[in-house]
Amino acid sequence: MHVRKGDTVAVLAGKDKGKQGKVIRAIPKENRVVVEKVNLVKRHLKPSPKNPNGGIVTMEAPIHASNVMLVCKACNRPTRVGKRFLDNGAKVRVCKRCGATID
């Protein structure tokens, strides 16, 4: 996947198009990510020891990874991601706009 946990991403499609947020969780098997304050849904919870009253809880739902784009820290704009090998053999992600390393 082109995004990882902790990355700042911009949403490209869907009801939250244009918003930015931090990736809380990446789900590579399903090619989905959970972004904070994006794709909020309401869950109806039964009473449990953890939540004794139950009720309606607002939480983030996963969105497809193709609908988000990484925001480069150097140029502060959404960008495509490239890969490059450093001299020591480490593989890093690279901003396609400005060429800065992301990792």
C-alpha atoms as a PDB file:
ATOM      1  CA  MET A   1       0.000   0.000   0.000  1.00  0.00           C
ATOM      2  CA  HIS A   2       1.136   3.544  -0.662  1.00  0.00           C
ATOM      3  CA  VAL A   3       0.018   4.806   2.780  1.00  0.00           C
ATOM      4  CA  ARG A   4       0.878   3.615   6.269  1.00  0.00           C
ATOM      5  CA  LYS A   5      -0.317   4.197   9.806  1.00  0.00           C
ATOM      6  CA  GLY A   6       0.524   7.740  10.924  1.00  0.00           C
ATOM      7  CA  ASP A   7       0.604   9.268   7.417  1.00  0.00           C
ATOM      8  CA  THR A   8      -1.382  12.414   6.674  1.00  0.00           C
ATOM      9  CA  VAL A   9      -3.674  11.857   3.705  1.00  0.00           C
ATOM     10  CA  ALA A  10      -6.155  13.840   1.601  1.00  0.00           C
ATOM     11  CA  VAL A  11      -9.480  12.257   0.627  1.00  0.00           C
ATOM     12  CA  LEU A  12     -10.049  12.262  -3.155  1.00  0.00           C
ATOM     13  CA  ALA A  13     -13.534  10.765  -3.459  1.00  0.00           C
ATOM     14  CA  GLY A  14     -16.670  10.121  -1.452  1.00  0.00           C
ATOM     15  CA  LYS A  15     -18.767  12.147   0.955  1.00  0.00           C
ATOM     16  CA  ASP A  16     -15.652  13.548   2.698  1.00  0.00           C
ATOM     17  CA  LYS A  17     -13.833  14.641  -0.481  1.00  0.00           C
ATOM     18  CA  GLY A  18     -11.289  17.401   0.225  1.00  0.00           C
ATOM     19  CA  LYS A  19     -10.760  16.589   3.909  1.00  0.00           C
ATOM     20  CA  GLN A  20      -7.358  15.736   5.356  1.00  0.00           C
ATOM     21  CA  GLY A  21      -6.600  13.472   8.281  1.00  0.00           C
ATOM     22  CA  LYS A  22      -4.167  11.065   9.852  1.00  0.00           C
ATOM     23  CA  VAL A  23      -4.283   7.334   9.086  1.00  0.00           C
ATOM     24  CA  ILE A  24      -5.313   5.543  12.306  1.00  0.00           C
ATOM     25  CA  ARG A  25      -5.194   2.019  10.908  1.00  0.00           C
ATOM     26  CA  ALA A  26      -4.204   0.383   7.626  1.00  0.00           C
ATOM     27  CA  ILE A  27      -5.851  -2.861   6.491  1.00  0.00           C
ATOM     28  CA  PRO A  28      -3.614  -4.157   3.650  1.00  0.00           C
ATOM     29  CA  LYS A  29      -5.570  -7.394   3.042  1.00  0.00           C
ATOM     30  CA  GLU A  30      -8.684  -5.384   2.163  1.00  0.00           C
ATOM     31  CA  ASN A  31      -6.710  -2.423   0.712  1.00  0.00           C
ATOM     32  CA  ARG A  32      -8.496  -0.057   3.096  1.00  0.00           C
ATOM     33  CA  VAL A  33      -7.499   2.630   5.610  1.00  0.00           C
ATOM     34  CA  VAL A  34      -9.192   4.254   8.585  1.00  0.00           C
ATOM     35  CA  VAL A  35      -8.664   8.036   8.659  1.00  0.00           C
ATOM     36  CA  GLU A  36      -9.498  10.171  11.698  1.00  0.00           C
ATOM     37  CA  LYS A  37     -12.570  12.419  11.358  1.00  0.00           C
ATOM     38  CA  VAL A  38     -13.367  10.920   7.907  1.00  0.00           C
ATOM     39  CA  ASN A  39     -16.239   8.571   6.929  1.00  0.00           C
ATOM     40  CA  LEU A  40     -17.962   8.874  10.303  1.00  0.00           C
ATOM     41  CA  VAL A  41     -20.735   6.343  10.944  1.00  0.00           C
ATOM     42  CA  LYS A  42     -23.058   5.738  13.885  1.00  0.00           C
ATOM     43  CA  ARG A  43     -22.964   2.356  15.635  1.00  0.00           C
ATOM     44  CA  HIS A  44     -25.756   1.165  17.925  1.00  0.00           C
ATOM     45  CA  LEU A  45     -24.070  -0.642  20.830  1.00  0.00           C
ATOM     46  CA  LYS A  46     -25.710  -3.017  23.264  1.00  0.00           C
ATOM     47  CA  PRO A  47     -24.859  -2.602  26.944  1.00  0.00           C
ATOM     48  CA  SER A  48     -21.639  -4.403  27.884  1.00  0.00           C
ATOM     49  CA  PRO A  49     -19.155  -4.333  30.773  1.00  0.00           C
ATOM     50  CA  LYS A  50     -17.028  -1.869  28.796  1.00  0.00           C
ATOM     51  CA  ASN A  51     -20.022   0.322  27.863  1.00  0.00           C
ATOM     52  CA  PRO A  52     -22.686  -0.275  30.568  1.00  0.00           C
ATOM     53  CA  ASN A  53     -25.331   2.051  29.087  1.00  0.00           C
ATOM     54  CA  GLY A  54     -24.937   1.078  25.438  1.00  0.00           C
ATOM     55  CA  GLY A  55     -26.223   3.742  23.046  1.00  0.00           C
ATOM     56  CA  ILE A  56     -25.242   5.285  19.739  1.00  0.00           C
ATOM     57  CA  VAL A  57     -21.518   5.856  19.143  1.00  0.00           C
ATOM     58  CA  THR A  58     -19.949   7.805  16.265  1.00  0.00           C
ATOM     59  CA  MET A  59     -16.812   6.169  14.861  1.00  0.00           C
ATOM     60  CA  GLU A  60     -14.643   6.131  11.729  1.00  0.00           C
ATOM     61  CA  ALA A  61     -15.273   3.442   9.114  1.00  0.00           C
ATOM     62  CA  PRO A  62     -12.626   2.197   6.651  1.00  0.00           C
ATOM     63  CA  ILE A  63     -12.390   3.710   3.171  1.00  0.00           C
ATOM     64  CA  HIS A  64     -10.627   2.289   0.131  1.00  0.00           C
ATOM     65  CA  ALA A  65      -6.940   3.197  -0.145  1.00  0.00           C
ATOM     66  CA  SER A  66      -7.404   4.340  -3.757  1.00  0.00           C
ATOM     67  CA  ASN A  67      -9.605   7.186  -2.487  1.00  0.00           C
ATOM     68  CA  VAL A  68      -6.806   8.777  -0.447  1.00  0.00           C
ATOM     69  CA  MET A  69      -3.566  10.459  -1.475  1.00  0.00           C
ATOM     70  CA  LEU A  70      -0.524  10.996   0.707  1.00  0.00           C
ATOM     71  CA  VAL A  71       0.237  14.597   1.735  1.00  0.00           C
ATOM     72  CA  CYS A  72       3.966  15.373   1.422  1.00  0.00           C
ATOM     73  CA  LYS A  73       5.492  16.965   4.537  1.00  0.00           C
ATOM     74  CA  ALA A  74       7.974  19.001   2.476  1.00  0.00           C
ATOM     75  CA  CYS A  75       5.632  20.602  -0.095  1.00  0.00           C
ATOM     76  CA  ASN A  76       2.451  20.181   2.029  1.00  0.00           C
ATOM     77  CA  ARG A  77       0.361  19.052  -0.982  1.00  0.00           C
ATOM     78  CA  PRO A  78      -1.244  15.738  -1.956  1.00  0.00           C
ATOM     79  CA  THR A  79       1.173  13.748  -4.083  1.00  0.00           C
ATOM     80  CA  ARG A  80       1.711  10.428  -5.773  1.00  0.00           C
ATOM     81  CA  VAL A  81       4.296   8.161  -4.176  1.00  0.00           C
ATOM     82  CA  GLY A  82       7.379   6.717  -5.816  1.00  0.00           C
ATOM     83  CA  LYS A  83       9.946   4.294  -4.432  1.00  0.00           C
ATOM     84  CA  ARG A  84      13.732   4.703  -4.426  1.00  0.00           C
ATOM     85  CA  PHE A  85      16.680   2.760  -3.045  1.00  0.00           C
ATOM     86  CA  LEU A  86      19.218   4.674  -0.961  1.00  0.00           C
ATOM     87  CA  ASP A  87      22.982   4.062  -1.067  1.00  0.00           C
ATOM     88  CA  ASN A  88      22.771   1.773   1.963  1.00  0.00           C
ATOM     89  CA  GLY A  89      20.137  -0.378   0.207  1.00  0.00           C
ATOM     90  CA  ALA A  90      17.112   0.912   2.151  1.00  0.00           C
ATOM     91  CA  LYS A  91      13.881   1.332   0.164  1.00  0.00           C
ATOM     92  CA  VAL A  92      12.123   4.666   0.818  1.00  0.00           C
ATOM     93  CA  ARG A  93       8.991   6.381  -0.444  1.00  0.00           C
ATOM     94  CA  VAL A  94       9.540   9.554  -2.500  1.00  0.00           C
ATOM     95  CA  CYS A  95       7.276  12.516  -3.293  1.00  0.00           C
ATOM     96  CA  LYS A  96       6.618  12.692  -7.046  1.00  0.00           C
ATOM     97  CA  ARG A  97       6.100  16.495  -6.895  1.00  0.00           C
ATOM     98  CA  CYS A  98       9.207  17.721  -5.088  1.00  0.00           C
ATOM     99  CA  GLY A  99      11.393  14.586  -4.878  1.00  0.00           C
ATOM    100  CA  ALA A 100      11.681  14.663  -1.080  1.00  0.00           C
ATOM    101  CA  THR A 101      11.916  11.380   0.819  1.00  0.00           C
ATOM    102  CA  ILE A 102       8.844  10.617   2.922  1.00  0.00           C
ATOM    103  CA  ASP A 103      10.271   7.909   5.208  1.00  0.00           C
END
